[in-house]
Amino acid sequence: MNLDLRQAIVQRVQDKDNAELMEVVQSSIDNDERTLPGLGVLFEIIWKNTDENVHEQLITSLRSGLTP
């Protein structure tokens, strides 16, 4: 079976419950750079499944994190 990276990441987390998903995210933060593509895929899923208000909150949080 030939899977792309996005599909592989989705399959890895697809059947996890909320606590397990939280662990995946938390264990990826500030970890090895190899986890960054996975976080990107998870962020993409969040983005696609939230409305404009949540997008604004996420961008505001991002901007706050980028400001020294």
N, C-alpha and C. Protein backbone atom coordinates (compact mmCIF):
# COMPACT_ATOMS: atom_id res chain seq x y z
N MET A 1 0.84 -1.18 0.00
CA MET A 1 0.00 0.00 0.00
C MET A 1 0.89 1.24 0.00
N ASN A 2 0.61 2.19 -0.88
CA ASN A 2 1.40 3.40 -1.00
C ASN A 2 0.64 4.57 -0.36
N LEU A 3 1.12 5.05 0.78
CA LEU A 3 0.47 6.15 1.50
C LEU A 3 1.33 7.40 1.45
N ASP A 4 0.70 8.53 1.35
CA ASP A 4 1.48 9.75 1.49
C ASP A 4 1.58 10.11 2.98
N LEU A 5 2.41 11.06 3.28
CA LEU A 5 2.67 11.43 4.68
C LEU A 5 1.39 11.86 5.40
N ARG A 6 0.58 12.66 4.74
CA ARG A 6 -0.66 13.14 5.34
C ARG A 6 -1.56 11.97 5.73
N GLN A 7 -1.74 11.03 4.82
CA GLN A 7 -2.59 9.87 5.09
C GLN A 7 -2.02 9.02 6.22
N ALA A 8 -0.71 8.86 6.24
CA ALA A 8 -0.08 8.06 7.29
C ALA A 8 -0.30 8.69 8.66
N ILE A 9 -0.19 10.00 8.75
CA ILE A 9 -0.40 10.69 10.02
C ILE A 9 -1.85 10.57 10.46
N VAL A 10 -2.78 10.75 9.54
CA VAL A 10 -4.20 10.63 9.87
C VAL A 10 -4.50 9.22 10.35
N GLN A 11 -3.99 8.22 9.68
CA GLN A 11 -4.24 6.85 10.10
C GLN A 11 -3.66 6.57 11.48
N ARG A 12 -2.53 7.19 11.80
CA ARG A 12 -1.89 6.97 13.10
C ARG A 12 -2.77 7.47 14.26
N VAL A 13 -3.51 8.53 14.03
CA VAL A 13 -4.29 9.14 15.13
C VAL A 13 -5.80 8.95 15.00
N GLN A 14 -6.24 8.37 13.93
CA GLN A 14 -7.66 8.30 13.61
C GLN A 14 -8.52 7.69 14.70
N ASP A 15 -8.07 6.65 15.35
CA ASP A 15 -8.91 5.96 16.34
C ASP A 15 -8.59 6.32 17.78
N LYS A 16 -7.83 7.38 17.99
CA LYS A 16 -7.47 7.79 19.34
C LYS A 16 -8.59 8.60 19.97
N ASP A 17 -8.72 8.48 21.30
CA ASP A 17 -9.71 9.29 22.01
C ASP A 17 -9.09 10.65 22.33
N ASN A 18 -9.85 11.52 22.96
CA ASN A 18 -9.39 12.88 23.23
C ASN A 18 -8.11 12.91 24.06
N ALA A 19 -8.03 12.08 25.08
CA ALA A 19 -6.85 12.06 25.94
C ALA A 19 -5.62 11.61 25.14
N GLU A 20 -5.82 10.63 24.29
CA GLU A 20 -4.70 10.14 23.48
C GLU A 20 -4.27 11.19 22.45
N LEU A 21 -5.23 11.90 21.87
CA LEU A 21 -4.88 12.97 20.93
C LEU A 21 -4.12 14.08 21.63
N MET A 22 -4.56 14.41 22.84
CA MET A 22 -3.86 15.42 23.63
C MET A 22 -2.42 15.01 23.86
N GLU A 23 -2.20 13.75 24.19
CA GLU A 23 -0.86 13.22 24.43
C GLU A 23 -0.01 13.31 23.16
N VAL A 24 -0.59 12.99 22.02
CA VAL A 24 0.14 13.07 20.74
C VAL A 24 0.61 14.51 20.52
N VAL A 25 -0.29 15.45 20.70
CA VAL A 25 0.06 16.86 20.48
C VAL A 25 1.10 17.31 21.50
N GLN A 26 0.84 17.07 22.78
CA GLN A 26 1.76 17.53 23.82
C GLN A 26 3.14 16.90 23.69
N SER A 27 3.20 15.64 23.31
CA SER A 27 4.50 14.99 23.19
C SER A 27 5.25 15.46 21.96
N SER A 28 4.54 16.06 21.00
CA SER A 28 5.18 16.56 19.79
C SER A 28 5.72 17.97 19.95
N ILE A 29 5.13 18.73 20.86
CA ILE A 29 5.55 20.12 21.08
C ILE A 29 6.96 20.14 21.67
N ASP A 30 7.81 20.99 21.11
CA ASP A 30 9.19 21.15 21.56
C ASP A 30 9.98 19.85 21.49
N ASN A 31 9.56 18.94 20.63
CA ASN A 31 10.24 17.68 20.46
C ASN A 31 11.12 17.77 19.22
N ASP A 32 11.65 16.66 18.82
CA ASP A 32 12.46 16.56 17.61
C ASP A 32 11.71 17.17 16.42
N GLU A 33 12.44 17.78 15.51
CA GLU A 33 11.81 18.43 14.36
C GLU A 33 11.06 17.45 13.46
N ARG A 34 11.30 16.17 13.61
CA ARG A 34 10.58 15.18 12.80
C ARG A 34 9.09 15.16 13.12
N THR A 35 8.70 15.70 14.29
CA THR A 35 7.28 15.72 14.64
C THR A 35 6.54 16.89 14.00
N LEU A 36 7.26 17.87 13.47
CA LEU A 36 6.62 19.06 12.91
C LEU A 36 5.66 18.77 11.76
N PRO A 37 5.99 17.89 10.82
CA PRO A 37 5.00 17.60 9.77
C PRO A 37 3.69 17.04 10.33
N GLY A 38 3.79 16.22 11.36
CA GLY A 38 2.59 15.67 11.97
C GLY A 38 1.73 16.75 12.60
N LEU A 39 2.38 17.68 13.28
CA LEU A 39 1.63 18.79 13.87
C LEU A 39 0.99 19.65 12.79
N GLY A 40 1.68 19.80 11.68
CA GLY A 40 1.12 20.56 10.55
C GLY A 40 -0.14 19.90 10.01
N VAL A 41 -0.12 18.60 9.87
CA VAL A 41 -1.29 17.86 9.39
C VAL A 41 -2.44 18.00 10.39
N LEU A 42 -2.13 17.87 11.68
CA LEU A 42 -3.17 18.01 12.70
C LEU A 42 -3.74 19.43 12.71
N PHE A 43 -2.88 20.43 12.54
CA PHE A 43 -3.37 21.81 12.48
C PHE A 43 -4.26 22.01 11.26
N GLU A 44 -3.88 21.42 10.14
CA GLU A 44 -4.69 21.51 8.93
C GLU A 44 -6.09 20.94 9.17
N ILE A 45 -6.17 19.82 9.87
CA ILE A 45 -7.47 19.21 10.18
C ILE A 45 -8.28 20.14 11.07
N ILE A 46 -7.63 20.70 12.09
CA ILE A 46 -8.33 21.65 12.98
C ILE A 46 -8.85 22.83 12.16
N TRP A 47 -8.00 23.39 11.31
CA TRP A 47 -8.36 24.56 10.51
C TRP A 47 -9.57 24.27 9.62
N LYS A 48 -9.54 23.12 8.96
CA LYS A 48 -10.63 22.77 8.04
C LYS A 48 -11.94 22.48 8.75
N ASN A 49 -11.88 22.19 10.04
CA ASN A 49 -13.08 21.79 10.77
C ASN A 49 -13.52 22.81 11.82
N THR A 50 -13.07 24.03 11.66
CA THR A 50 -13.49 25.10 12.56
C THR A 50 -13.97 26.30 11.74
N ASP A 51 -14.72 27.15 12.40
CA ASP A 51 -15.27 28.30 11.69
C ASP A 51 -14.34 29.51 11.76
N GLU A 52 -14.76 30.57 11.14
CA GLU A 52 -13.95 31.79 11.03
C GLU A 52 -13.59 32.37 12.39
N ASN A 53 -14.48 32.27 13.38
CA ASN A 53 -14.18 32.80 14.71
C ASN A 53 -12.98 32.07 15.33
N VAL A 54 -12.96 30.76 15.19
CA VAL A 54 -11.84 29.98 15.72
C VAL A 54 -10.57 30.32 14.94
N HIS A 55 -10.70 30.51 13.62
CA HIS A 55 -9.53 30.90 12.82
C HIS A 55 -8.92 32.20 13.35
N GLU A 56 -9.79 33.14 13.63
CA GLU A 56 -9.31 34.43 14.16
C GLU A 56 -8.60 34.23 15.50
N GLN A 57 -9.15 33.39 16.37
CA GLN A 57 -8.51 33.12 17.67
C GLN A 57 -7.15 32.45 17.47
N LEU A 58 -7.08 31.50 16.56
CA LEU A 58 -5.82 30.81 16.30
C LEU A 58 -4.77 31.78 15.77
N ILE A 59 -5.17 32.64 14.84
CA ILE A 59 -4.23 33.60 14.28
C ILE A 59 -3.80 34.61 15.34
N THR A 60 -4.71 35.03 16.19
CA THR A 60 -4.35 35.94 17.29
C THR A 60 -3.36 35.26 18.23
N SER A 61 -3.59 33.99 18.53
CA SER A 61 -2.64 33.24 19.38
C SER A 61 -1.30 33.10 18.69
N LEU A 62 -1.33 32.83 17.41
CA LEU A 62 -0.07 32.73 16.65
C LEU A 62 0.68 34.04 16.68
N ARG A 63 -0.02 35.13 16.42
CA ARG A 63 0.61 36.46 16.43
C ARG A 63 1.20 36.75 17.79
N SER A 64 0.50 36.43 18.86
CA SER A 64 1.01 36.64 20.21
C SER A 64 2.28 35.83 20.47
N GLY A 65 2.31 34.63 19.95
CA GLY A 65 3.49 33.78 20.13
C GLY A 65 4.68 34.25 19.32
N LEU A 66 4.44 34.98 18.24
CA LEU A 66 5.52 35.46 17.38
C LEU A 66 6.08 36.79 17.84
N THR A 67 5.33 37.49 18.68
CA THR A 67 5.76 38.81 19.15
C THR A 67 6.72 38.64 20.33
N PRO A 68 7.92 39.21 20.20
CA PRO A 68 8.91 39.08 21.30
C PRO A 68 8.51 39.82 22.55
